[in-house]
Amino acid sequence: INGGGPPMQGIQMLRDVLAEDPNHLGAIRQLGFLSMRTNQFEKAIKRFERLLEINPEESQAYFLLGEAYEGLGDKKNAIKAFESFVSLTKNEEAKKAVETRIKELSNN
């Protein structure tokens, strides 16, 4: 959704999509991203948790959930989400980077 209109129009379009299909993964994910961008971490967490209810194997959602918890300063839940990401992702480079992040969060 990158039309020429203001951001609120795009958000309303996503909400309209969800009104028709509450399980629309793309719309849920996009609203989660937008919440993260505006530091609305509680909203982002709800979106990413909803995404994982629908598709519990989506590693990216666990990563984003971890970032949202980290944004709130909730290290325990951030680590938990990041550990889920590590267990699901097939990307070895991402896995190593997130394992490093888990260690950093555990030590602070």
PDB file of N, CA and C in Angstrom:
ATOM      1  N   ILE A   1       0.861  -1.174   0.000  1.00  0.00           N
ATOM      2  CA  ILE A   1       0.000   0.000   0.000  1.00  0.00           C
ATOM      3  C   ILE A   1       0.900   1.227   0.000  1.00  0.00           C
ATOM      4  N   ASN A   2       1.239   1.652  -1.166  1.00  0.00           N
ATOM      5  CA  ASN A   2       2.089   2.839  -1.261  1.00  0.00           C
ATOM      6  C   ASN A   2       1.520   3.779  -2.306  1.00  0.00           C
ATOM      7  N   GLY A   3       0.257   4.129  -2.082  1.00  0.00           N
ATOM      8  CA  GLY A   3      -0.383   5.111  -2.934  1.00  0.00           C
ATOM      9  C   GLY A   3       0.059   6.499  -2.534  1.00  0.00           C
ATOM     10  N   GLY A   4      -0.455   7.497  -3.191  1.00  0.00           N
ATOM     11  CA  GLY A   4      -0.045   8.861  -2.915  1.00  0.00           C
ATOM     12  C   GLY A   4      -0.713   9.474  -1.700  1.00  0.00           C
ATOM     13  N   GLY A   5      -1.662   8.763  -1.086  1.00  0.00           N
ATOM     14  CA  GLY A   5      -2.415   9.325   0.027  1.00  0.00           C
ATOM     15  C   GLY A   5      -1.634   9.339   1.325  1.00  0.00           C
ATOM     16  N   PRO A   6      -2.171  10.025   2.300  1.00  0.00           N
ATOM     17  CA  PRO A   6      -1.532  10.072   3.615  1.00  0.00           C
ATOM     18  C   PRO A   6      -1.472   8.681   4.255  1.00  0.00           C
ATOM     19  N   PRO A   7      -0.568   8.496   5.208  1.00  0.00           N
ATOM     20  CA  PRO A   7      -0.413   7.174   5.843  1.00  0.00           C
ATOM     21  C   PRO A   7      -1.703   6.647   6.462  1.00  0.00           C
ATOM     22  N   MET A   8      -2.532   7.522   6.987  1.00  0.00           N
ATOM     23  CA  MET A   8      -3.773   7.053   7.622  1.00  0.00           C
ATOM     24  C   MET A   8      -4.687   6.353   6.619  1.00  0.00           C
ATOM     25  N   GLN A   9      -4.649   6.770   5.359  1.00  0.00           N
ATOM     26  CA  GLN A   9      -5.460   6.091   4.347  1.00  0.00           C
ATOM     27  C   GLN A   9      -4.995   4.653   4.176  1.00  0.00           C
ATOM     28  N   GLY A  10      -3.689   4.458   4.166  1.00  0.00           N
ATOM     29  CA  GLY A  10      -3.135   3.113   4.047  1.00  0.00           C
ATOM     30  C   GLY A  10      -3.506   2.247   5.234  1.00  0.00           C
ATOM     31  N   ILE A  11      -3.428   2.826   6.423  1.00  0.00           N
ATOM     32  CA  ILE A  11      -3.794   2.093   7.631  1.00  0.00           C
ATOM     33  C   ILE A  11      -5.273   1.719   7.588  1.00  0.00           C
ATOM     34  N   GLN A  12      -6.115   2.653   7.153  1.00  0.00           N
ATOM     35  CA  GLN A  12      -7.548   2.353   7.057  1.00  0.00           C
ATOM     36  C   GLN A  12      -7.812   1.250   6.040  1.00  0.00           C
ATOM     37  N   MET A  13      -7.070   1.254   4.940  1.00  0.00           N
ATOM     38  CA  MET A  13      -7.232   0.192   3.940  1.00  0.00           C
ATOM     39  C   MET A  13      -6.887  -1.170   4.551  1.00  0.00           C
ATOM     40  N   LEU A  14      -5.803  -1.211   5.339  1.00  0.00           N
ATOM     41  CA  LEU A  14      -5.415  -2.461   5.998  1.00  0.00           C
ATOM     42  C   LEU A  14      -6.487  -2.911   6.984  1.00  0.00           C
ATOM     43  N   ARG A  15      -7.038  -1.959   7.724  1.00  0.00           N
ATOM     44  CA  ARG A  15      -8.110  -2.291   8.670  1.00  0.00           C
ATOM     45  C   ARG A  15      -9.343  -2.802   7.937  1.00  0.00           C
ATOM     46  N   ASP A  16      -9.631  -2.225   6.773  1.00  0.00           N
ATOM     47  CA  ASP A  16     -10.760  -2.687   5.962  1.00  0.00           C
ATOM     48  C   ASP A  16     -10.540  -4.127   5.505  1.00  0.00           C
ATOM     49  N   VAL A  17      -9.305  -4.429   5.116  1.00  0.00           N
ATOM     50  CA  VAL A  17      -8.968  -5.805   4.705  1.00  0.00           C
ATOM     51  C   VAL A  17      -9.229  -6.754   5.872  1.00  0.00           C
ATOM     52  N   LEU A  18      -8.800  -6.355   7.076  1.00  0.00           N
ATOM     53  CA  LEU A  18      -9.000  -7.206   8.250  1.00  0.00           C
ATOM     54  C   LEU A  18     -10.475  -7.327   8.631  1.00  0.00           C
ATOM     55  N   ALA A  19     -11.251  -6.304   8.348  1.00  0.00           N
ATOM     56  CA  ALA A  19     -12.684  -6.376   8.623  1.00  0.00           C
ATOM     57  C   ALA A  19     -13.326  -7.463   7.758  1.00  0.00           C
ATOM     58  N   GLU A  20     -12.842  -7.594   6.533  1.00  0.00           N
ATOM     59  CA  GLU A  20     -13.358  -8.631   5.631  1.00  0.00           C
ATOM     60  C   GLU A  20     -12.749  -9.991   5.930  1.00  0.00           C
ATOM     61  N   ASP A  21     -11.449 -10.000   6.253  1.00  0.00           N
ATOM     62  CA  ASP A  21     -10.730 -11.248   6.517  1.00  0.00           C
ATOM     63  C   ASP A  21      -9.824 -11.047   7.732  1.00  0.00           C
ATOM     64  N   PRO A  22     -10.328 -11.358   8.946  1.00  0.00           N
ATOM     65  CA  PRO A  22      -9.557 -11.129  10.171  1.00  0.00           C
ATOM     66  C   PRO A  22      -8.251 -11.922  10.239  1.00  0.00           C
ATOM     67  N   ASN A  23      -8.081 -12.912   9.374  1.00  0.00           N
ATOM     68  CA  ASN A  23      -6.872 -13.737   9.380  1.00  0.00           C
ATOM     69  C   ASN A  23      -5.919 -13.395   8.238  1.00  0.00           C
ATOM     70  N   HIS A  24      -6.086 -12.243   7.636  1.00  0.00           N
ATOM     71  CA  HIS A  24      -5.234 -11.848   6.508  1.00  0.00           C
ATOM     72  C   HIS A  24      -3.826 -11.555   7.023  1.00  0.00           C
ATOM     73  N   LEU A  25      -2.918 -12.497   6.782  1.00  0.00           N
ATOM     74  CA  LEU A  25      -1.564 -12.408   7.336  1.00  0.00           C
ATOM     75  C   LEU A  25      -0.827 -11.141   6.908  1.00  0.00           C
ATOM     76  N   GLY A  26      -0.946 -10.790   5.636  1.00  0.00           N
ATOM     77  CA  GLY A  26      -0.234  -9.614   5.131  1.00  0.00           C
ATOM     78  C   GLY A  26      -0.683  -8.333   5.810  1.00  0.00           C
ATOM     79  N   ALA A  27      -1.983  -8.181   6.009  1.00  0.00           N
ATOM     80  CA  ALA A  27      -2.506  -6.971   6.656  1.00  0.00           C
ATOM     81  C   ALA A  27      -2.090  -6.921   8.122  1.00  0.00           C
ATOM     82  N   ILE A  28      -2.157  -8.060   8.808  1.00  0.00           N
ATOM     83  CA  ILE A  28      -1.746  -8.102  10.221  1.00  0.00           C
ATOM     84  C   ILE A  28      -0.268  -7.742  10.342  1.00  0.00           C
ATOM     85  N   ARG A  29       0.548  -8.352   9.483  1.00  0.00           N
ATOM     86  CA  ARG A  29       1.995  -8.101   9.509  1.00  0.00           C
ATOM     87  C   ARG A  29       2.289  -6.622   9.254  1.00  0.00           C
ATOM     88  N   GLN A  30       1.633  -6.056   8.254  1.00  0.00           N
ATOM     89  CA  GLN A  30       1.876  -4.662   7.879  1.00  0.00           C
ATOM     90  C   GLN A  30       1.484  -3.717   9.006  1.00  0.00           C
ATOM     91  N   LEU A  31       0.354  -3.966   9.648  1.00  0.00           N
ATOM     92  CA  LEU A  31      -0.055  -3.124  10.779  1.00  0.00           C
ATOM     93  C   LEU A  31       0.922  -3.271  11.944  1.00  0.00           C
ATOM     94  N   GLY A  32       1.465  -4.466  12.116  1.00  0.00           N
ATOM     95  CA  GLY A  32       2.501  -4.668  13.139  1.00  0.00           C
ATOM     96  C   GLY A  32       3.746  -3.851  12.836  1.00  0.00           C
ATOM     97  N   PHE A  33       4.177  -3.877  11.568  1.00  0.00           N
ATOM     98  CA  PHE A  33       5.342  -3.067  11.148  1.00  0.00           C
ATOM     99  C   PHE A  33       5.096  -1.588  11.433  1.00  0.00           C
ATOM    100  N   LEU A  34       3.910  -1.112  11.061  1.00  0.00           N
ATOM    101  CA  LEU A  34       3.591   0.306  11.255  1.00  0.00           C
ATOM    102  C   LEU A  34       3.573   0.669  12.737  1.00  0.00           C
ATOM    103  N   SER A  35       3.082  -0.229  13.560  1.00  0.00           N
ATOM    104  CA  SER A  35       3.093   0.016  15.007  1.00  0.00           C
ATOM    105  C   SER A  35       4.525   0.103  15.525  1.00  0.00           C
ATOM    106  N   MET A  36       5.389  -0.763  15.018  1.00  0.00           N
ATOM    107  CA  MET A  36       6.804  -0.731  15.427  1.00  0.00           C
ATOM    108  C   MET A  36       7.441   0.599  15.038  1.00  0.00           C
ATOM    109  N   ARG A  37       7.160   1.062  13.827  1.00  0.00           N
ATOM    110  CA  ARG A  37       7.749   2.307  13.333  1.00  0.00           C
ATOM    111  C   ARG A  37       7.399   3.508  14.192  1.00  0.00           C
ATOM    112  N   THR A  38       6.210   3.444  14.797  1.00  0.00           N
ATOM    113  CA  THR A  38       5.754   4.574  15.609  1.00  0.00           C
ATOM    114  C   THR A  38       5.909   4.285  17.108  1.00  0.00           C
ATOM    115  N   ASN A  39       6.739   3.289  17.420  1.00  0.00           N
ATOM    116  CA  ASN A  39       7.033   2.924  18.809  1.00  0.00           C
ATOM    117  C   ASN A  39       5.794   2.553  19.622  1.00  0.00           C
ATOM    118  N   GLN A  40       4.780   2.041  18.948  1.00  0.00           N
ATOM    119  CA  GLN A  40       3.574   1.537  19.627  1.00  0.00           C
ATOM    120  C   GLN A  40       3.769   0.029  19.836  1.00  0.00           C
ATOM    121  N   PHE A  41       4.682  -0.289  20.752  1.00  0.00           N
ATOM    122  CA  PHE A  41       5.122  -1.670  20.907  1.00  0.00           C
ATOM    123  C   PHE A  41       4.011  -2.592  21.411  1.00  0.00           C
ATOM    124  N   GLU A  42       3.120  -2.080  22.280  1.00  0.00           N
ATOM    125  CA  GLU A  42       2.020  -2.925  22.766  1.00  0.00           C
ATOM    126  C   GLU A  42       1.125  -3.350  21.608  1.00  0.00           C
ATOM    127  N   LYS A  43       0.819  -2.412  20.716  1.00  0.00           N
ATOM    128  CA  LYS A  43      -0.006  -2.739  19.540  1.00  0.00           C
ATOM    129  C   LYS A  43       0.721  -3.730  18.642  1.00  0.00           C
ATOM    130  N   ALA A  44       2.026  -3.507  18.451  1.00  0.00           N
ATOM    131  CA  ALA A  44       2.818  -4.404  17.606  1.00  0.00           C
ATOM    132  C   ALA A  44       2.810  -5.822  18.182  1.00  0.00           C
ATOM    133  N   ILE A  45       2.967  -5.923  19.493  1.00  0.00           N
ATOM    134  CA  ILE A  45       2.963  -7.244  20.141  1.00  0.00           C
ATOM    135  C   ILE A  45       1.642  -7.958  19.878  1.00  0.00           C
ATOM    136  N   LYS A  46       0.528  -7.250  20.019  1.00  0.00           N
ATOM    137  CA  LYS A  46      -0.779  -7.864  19.750  1.00  0.00           C
ATOM    138  C   LYS A  46      -0.874  -8.352  18.312  1.00  0.00           C
ATOM    139  N   ARG A  47      -0.366  -7.545  17.381  1.00  0.00           N
ATOM    140  CA  ARG A  47      -0.414  -7.940  15.960  1.00  0.00           C
ATOM    141  C   ARG A  47       0.433  -9.182  15.708  1.00  0.00           C
ATOM    142  N   PHE A  48       1.665  -9.177  16.220  1.00  0.00           N
ATOM    143  CA  PHE A  48       2.555 -10.306  15.948  1.00  0.00           C
ATOM    144  C   PHE A  48       2.093 -11.571  16.671  1.00  0.00           C
ATOM    145  N   GLU A  49       1.511 -11.412  17.864  1.00  0.00           N
ATOM    146  CA  GLU A  49       0.957 -12.585  18.548  1.00  0.00           C
ATOM    147  C   GLU A  49      -0.223 -13.146  17.761  1.00  0.00           C
ATOM    148  N   ARG A  50      -1.034 -12.274  17.191  1.00  0.00           N
ATOM    149  CA  ARG A  50      -2.153 -12.720  16.348  1.00  0.00           C
ATOM    150  C   ARG A  50      -1.640 -13.466  15.122  1.00  0.00           C
ATOM    151  N   LEU A  51      -0.593 -12.929  14.522  1.00  0.00           N
ATOM    152  CA  LEU A  51       0.029 -13.572  13.364  1.00  0.00           C
ATOM    153  C   LEU A  51       0.473 -14.989  13.719  1.00  0.00           C
ATOM    154  N   LEU A  52       1.059 -15.133  14.906  1.00  0.00           N
ATOM    155  CA  LEU A  52       1.554 -16.440  15.339  1.00  0.00           C
ATOM    156  C   LEU A  52       0.429 -17.393  15.735  1.00  0.00           C
ATOM    157  N   GLU A  53      -0.714 -16.853  16.158  1.00  0.00           N
ATOM    158  CA  GLU A  53      -1.877 -17.718  16.402  1.00  0.00           C
ATOM    159  C   GLU A  53      -2.307 -18.379  15.102  1.00  0.00           C
ATOM    160  N   ILE A  54      -2.262 -17.602  14.026  1.00  0.00           N
ATOM    161  CA  ILE A  54      -2.701 -18.096  12.719  1.00  0.00           C
ATOM    162  C   ILE A  54      -1.626 -18.979  12.090  1.00  0.00           C
ATOM    163  N   ASN A  55      -0.379 -18.551  12.205  1.00  0.00           N
ATOM    164  CA  ASN A  55       0.733 -19.265  11.570  1.00  0.00           C
ATOM    165  C   ASN A  55       1.901 -19.386  12.551  1.00  0.00           C
ATOM    166  N   PRO A  56       1.859 -20.391  13.448  1.00  0.00           N
ATOM    167  CA  PRO A  56       2.871 -20.516  14.499  1.00  0.00           C
ATOM    168  C   PRO A  56       4.278 -20.866  13.998  1.00  0.00           C
ATOM    169  N   GLU A  57       4.413 -21.141  12.734  1.00  0.00           N
ATOM    170  CA  GLU A  57       5.727 -21.497  12.190  1.00  0.00           C
ATOM    171  C   GLU A  57       6.434 -20.315  11.532  1.00  0.00           C
ATOM    172  N   GLU A  58       5.867 -19.132  11.606  1.00  0.00           N
ATOM    173  CA  GLU A  58       6.455 -17.984  10.920  1.00  0.00           C
ATOM    174  C   GLU A  58       7.580 -17.375  11.760  1.00  0.00           C
ATOM    175  N   SER A  59       8.800 -17.726  11.410  1.00  0.00           N
ATOM    176  CA  SER A  59       9.947 -17.293  12.205  1.00  0.00           C
ATOM    177  C   SER A  59      10.083 -15.776  12.253  1.00  0.00           C
ATOM    178  N   GLN A  60       9.795 -15.099  11.150  1.00  0.00           N
ATOM    179  CA  GLN A  60       9.929 -13.639  11.111  1.00  0.00           C
ATOM    180  C   GLN A  60       9.037 -12.972  12.156  1.00  0.00           C
ATOM    181  N   ALA A  61       7.857 -13.526  12.382  1.00  0.00           N
ATOM    182  CA  ALA A  61       6.942 -12.957  13.374  1.00  0.00           C
ATOM    183  C   ALA A  61       7.534 -13.060  14.777  1.00  0.00           C
ATOM    184  N   TYR A  62       8.236 -14.157  15.061  1.00  0.00           N
ATOM    185  CA  TYR A  62       8.902 -14.281  16.362  1.00  0.00           C
ATOM    186  C   TYR A  62      10.008 -13.237  16.504  1.00  0.00           C
ATOM    187  N   PHE A  63      10.744 -13.008  15.422  1.00  0.00           N
ATOM    188  CA  PHE A  63      11.809 -12.003  15.461  1.00  0.00           C
ATOM    189  C   PHE A  63      11.214 -10.620  15.747  1.00  0.00           C
ATOM    190  N   LEU A  64      10.155 -10.272  15.015  1.00  0.00           N
ATOM    191  CA  LEU A  64       9.516  -8.970  15.198  1.00  0.00           C
ATOM    192  C   LEU A  64       8.898  -8.843  16.582  1.00  0.00           C
ATOM    193  N   LEU A  65       8.325  -9.928  17.079  1.00  0.00           N
ATOM    194  CA  LEU A  65       7.769  -9.941  18.429  1.00  0.00           C
ATOM    195  C   LEU A  65       8.880  -9.678  19.451  1.00  0.00           C
ATOM    196  N   GLY A  66      10.034 -10.294  19.238  1.00  0.00           N
ATOM    197  CA  GLY A  66      11.181 -10.063  20.121  1.00  0.00           C
ATOM    198  C   GLY A  66      11.608  -8.608  20.105  1.00  0.00           C
ATOM    199  N   GLU A  67      11.636  -8.022  18.920  1.00  0.00           N
ATOM    200  CA  GLU A  67      12.002  -6.601  18.819  1.00  0.00           C
ATOM    201  C   GLU A  67      10.987  -5.715  19.534  1.00  0.00           C
ATOM    202  N   ALA A  68       9.716  -6.048  19.434  1.00  0.00           N
ATOM    203  CA  ALA A  68       8.683  -5.254  20.100  1.00  0.00           C
ATOM    204  C   ALA A  68       8.829  -5.357  21.620  1.00  0.00           C
ATOM    205  N   TYR A  69       9.039  -6.572  22.118  1.00  0.00           N
ATOM    206  CA  TYR A  69       9.257  -6.729  23.564  1.00  0.00           C
ATOM    207  C   TYR A  69      10.515  -5.987  24.004  1.00  0.00           C
ATOM    208  N   GLU A  70      11.553  -6.058  23.199  1.00  0.00           N
ATOM    209  CA  GLU A  70      12.781  -5.341  23.522  1.00  0.00           C
ATOM    210  C   GLU A  70      12.520  -3.830  23.562  1.00  0.00           C
ATOM    211  N   GLY A  71      11.691  -3.345  22.655  1.00  0.00           N
ATOM    212  CA  GLY A  71      11.324  -1.933  22.632  1.00  0.00           C
ATOM    213  C   GLY A  71      10.624  -1.496  23.911  1.00  0.00           C
ATOM    214  N   LEU A  72       9.889  -2.421  24.521  1.00  0.00           N
ATOM    215  CA  LEU A  72       9.214  -2.129  25.792  1.00  0.00           C
ATOM    216  C   LEU A  72      10.145  -2.301  26.989  1.00  0.00           C
ATOM    217  N   GLY A  73      11.332  -2.861  26.727  1.00  0.00           N
ATOM    218  CA  GLY A  73      12.257  -3.123  27.831  1.00  0.00           C
ATOM    219  C   GLY A  73      11.982  -4.447  28.523  1.00  0.00           C
ATOM    220  N   ASP A  74      11.181  -5.310  27.895  1.00  0.00           N
ATOM    221  CA  ASP A  74      10.829  -6.617  28.454  1.00  0.00           C
ATOM    222  C   ASP A  74      11.814  -7.656  27.910  1.00  0.00           C
ATOM    223  N   LYS A  75      12.971  -7.741  28.561  1.00  0.00           N
ATOM    224  CA  LYS A  75      14.041  -8.628  28.074  1.00  0.00           C
ATOM    225  C   LYS A  75      13.645 -10.098  28.119  1.00  0.00           C
ATOM    226  N   LYS A  76      12.940 -10.498  29.178  1.00  0.00           N
ATOM    227  CA  LYS A  76      12.569 -11.908  29.338  1.00  0.00           C
ATOM    228  C   LYS A  76      11.744 -12.402  28.146  1.00  0.00           C
ATOM    229  N   ASN A  77      10.690 -11.656  27.801  1.00  0.00           N
ATOM    230  CA  ASN A  77       9.847 -12.064  26.668  1.00  0.00           C
ATOM    231  C   ASN A  77      10.543 -11.856  25.330  1.00  0.00           C
ATOM    232  N   ALA A  78      11.422 -10.852  25.251  1.00  0.00           N
ATOM    233  CA  ALA A  78      12.204 -10.655  24.023  1.00  0.00           C
ATOM    234  C   ALA A  78      13.081 -11.882  23.780  1.00  0.00           C
ATOM    235  N   ILE A  79      13.765 -12.331  24.821  1.00  0.00           N
ATOM    236  CA  ILE A  79      14.639 -13.512  24.695  1.00  0.00           C
ATOM    237  C   ILE A  79      13.821 -14.728  24.282  1.00  0.00           C
ATOM    238  N   LYS A  80      12.677 -14.904  24.903  1.00  0.00           N
ATOM    239  CA  LYS A  80      11.807 -16.048  24.583  1.00  0.00           C
ATOM    240  C   LYS A  80      11.402 -16.032  23.105  1.00  0.00           C
ATOM    241  N   ALA A  81      10.999 -14.868  22.614  1.00  0.00           N
ATOM    242  CA  ALA A  81      10.598 -14.753  21.206  1.00  0.00           C
ATOM    243  C   ALA A  81      11.790 -14.984  20.281  1.00  0.00           C
ATOM    244  N   PHE A  82      12.942 -14.405  20.634  1.00  0.00           N
ATOM    245  CA  PHE A  82      14.139 -14.603  19.816  1.00  0.00           C
ATOM    246  C   PHE A  82      14.564 -16.068  19.798  1.00  0.00           C
ATOM    247  N   GLU A  83      14.416 -16.767  20.931  1.00  0.00           N
ATOM    248  CA  GLU A  83      14.758 -18.197  20.971  1.00  0.00           C
ATOM    249  C   GLU A  83      13.837 -18.995  20.047  1.00  0.00           C
ATOM    250  N   SER A  84      12.573 -18.614  19.991  1.00  0.00           N
ATOM    251  CA  SER A  84      11.642 -19.281  19.069  1.00  0.00           C
ATOM    252  C   SER A  84      12.058 -19.032  17.620  1.00  0.00           C
ATOM    253  N   PHE A  85      12.475 -17.788  17.337  1.00  0.00           N
ATOM    254  CA  PHE A  85      12.963 -17.468  15.997  1.00  0.00           C
ATOM    255  C   PHE A  85      14.135 -18.377  15.629  1.00  0.00           C
ATOM    256  N   VAL A  86      15.111 -18.468  16.546  1.00  0.00           N
ATOM    257  CA  VAL A  86      16.315 -19.274  16.292  1.00  0.00           C
ATOM    258  C   VAL A  86      15.942 -20.728  16.024  1.00  0.00           C
ATOM    259  N   SER A  87      14.959 -21.250  16.767  1.00  0.00           N
ATOM    260  CA  SER A  87      14.593 -22.661  16.592  1.00  0.00           C
ATOM    261  C   SER A  87      13.876 -22.914  15.266  1.00  0.00           C
ATOM    262  N   LEU A  88      13.259 -21.867  14.676  1.00  0.00           N
ATOM    263  CA  LEU A  88      12.488 -22.053  13.445  1.00  0.00           C
ATOM    264  C   LEU A  88      13.206 -21.630  12.166  1.00  0.00           C
ATOM    265  N   THR A  89      14.090 -20.642  12.251  1.00  0.00           N
ATOM    266  CA  THR A  89      14.668 -20.096  11.031  1.00  0.00           C
ATOM    267  C   THR A  89      15.635 -21.075  10.366  1.00  0.00           C
ATOM    268  N   LYS A  90      15.657 -21.002   9.061  1.00  0.00           N
ATOM    269  CA  LYS A  90      16.601 -21.813   8.281  1.00  0.00           C
ATOM    270  C   LYS A  90      17.817 -20.973   7.882  1.00  0.00           C
ATOM    271  N   ASN A  91      17.747 -19.672   8.154  1.00  0.00           N
ATOM    272  CA  ASN A  91      18.811 -18.749   7.775  1.00  0.00           C
ATOM    273  C   ASN A  91      19.902 -18.767   8.849  1.00  0.00           C
ATOM    274  N   GLU A  92      21.013 -19.410   8.535  1.00  0.00           N
ATOM    275  CA  GLU A  92      22.087 -19.580   9.525  1.00  0.00           C
ATOM    276  C   GLU A  92      22.709 -18.252   9.953  1.00  0.00           C
ATOM    277  N   GLU A  93      22.828 -17.329   9.032  1.00  0.00           N
ATOM    278  CA  GLU A  93      23.403 -16.021   9.346  1.00  0.00           C
ATOM    279  C   GLU A  93      22.504 -15.265  10.335  1.00  0.00           C
ATOM    280  N   ALA A  94      21.211 -15.284  10.070  1.00  0.00           N
ATOM    281  CA  ALA A  94      20.252 -14.625  10.969  1.00  0.00           C
ATOM    282  C   ALA A  94      20.250 -15.319  12.327  1.00  0.00           C
ATOM    283  N   LYS A  95      20.337 -16.642  12.307  1.00  0.00           N
ATOM    284  CA  LYS A  95      20.343 -17.414  13.549  1.00  0.00           C
ATOM    285  C   LYS A  95      21.517 -16.983  14.436  1.00  0.00           C
ATOM    286  N   LYS A  96      22.714 -16.876  13.841  1.00  0.00           N
ATOM    287  CA  LYS A  96      23.902 -16.470  14.609  1.00  0.00           C
ATOM    288  C   LYS A  96      23.749 -15.052  15.157  1.00  0.00           C
ATOM    289  N   ALA A  97      23.226 -14.153  14.341  1.00  0.00           N
ATOM    290  CA  ALA A  97      23.053 -12.761  14.778  1.00  0.00           C
ATOM    291  C   ALA A  97      22.082 -12.684  15.952  1.00  0.00           C
ATOM    292  N   VAL A  98      20.997 -13.442  15.883  1.00  0.00           N
ATOM    293  CA  VAL A  98      20.006 -13.398  16.951  1.00  0.00           C
ATOM    294  C   VAL A  98      20.516 -14.112  18.199  1.00  0.00           C
ATOM    295  N   GLU A  99      21.298 -15.166  18.031  1.00  0.00           N
ATOM    296  CA  GLU A  99      21.900 -15.822  19.200  1.00  0.00           C
ATOM    297  C   GLU A  99      22.813 -14.845  19.940  1.00  0.00           C
ATOM    298  N   THR A 100      23.546 -14.033  19.200  1.00  0.00           N
ATOM    299  CA  THR A 100      24.394 -13.002  19.805  1.00  0.00           C
ATOM    300  C   THR A 100      23.534 -11.993  20.558  1.00  0.00           C
ATOM    301  N   ARG A 101      22.431 -11.607  19.958  1.00  0.00           N
ATOM    302  CA  ARG A 101      21.515 -10.644  20.592  1.00  0.00           C
ATOM    303  C   ARG A 101      20.939 -11.216  21.881  1.00  0.00           C
ATOM    304  N   ILE A 102      20.604 -12.513  21.879  1.00  0.00           N
ATOM    305  CA  ILE A 102      20.085 -13.180  23.076  1.00  0.00           C
ATOM    306  C   ILE A 102      21.123 -13.118  24.195  1.00  0.00           C
ATOM    307  N   LYS A 103      22.382 -13.397  23.848  1.00  0.00           N
ATOM    308  CA  LYS A 103      23.456 -13.334  24.855  1.00  0.00           C
ATOM    309  C   LYS A 103      23.589 -11.936  25.421  1.00  0.00           C
ATOM    310  N   GLU A 104      23.518 -10.924  24.553  1.00  0.00           N
ATOM    311  CA  GLU A 104      23.618  -9.543  25.021  1.00  0.00           C
ATOM    312  C   GLU A 104      22.471  -9.191  25.958  1.00  0.00           C
ATOM    313  N   LEU A 105      21.261  -9.595  25.619  1.00  0.00           N
ATOM    314  CA  LEU A 105      20.103  -9.312  26.463  1.00  0.00           C
ATOM    315  C   LEU A 105      20.203 -10.064  27.800  1.00  0.00           C
ATOM    316  N   SER A 106      20.734 -11.275  27.760  1.00  0.00           N
ATOM    317  CA  SER A 106      20.862 -12.091  28.968  1.00  0.00           C
ATOM    318  C   SER A 106      21.890 -11.501  29.925  1.00  0.00           C
ATOM    319  N   ASN A 107      22.880 -10.805  29.393  1.00  0.00           N
ATOM    320  CA  ASN A 107      23.956 -10.271  30.219  1.00  0.00           C
ATOM    321  C   ASN A 107      23.684  -8.865  30.723  1.00  0.00           C
ATOM    322  N   ASN A 108      22.617  -8.258  30.290  1.00  0.00           N
ATOM    323  CA  ASN A 108      22.329  -6.867  30.727  1.00  0.00           C
ATOM    324  C   ASN A 108      21.198  -6.815  31.722  1.00  0.00           C
TER     325      ASN A 108
END
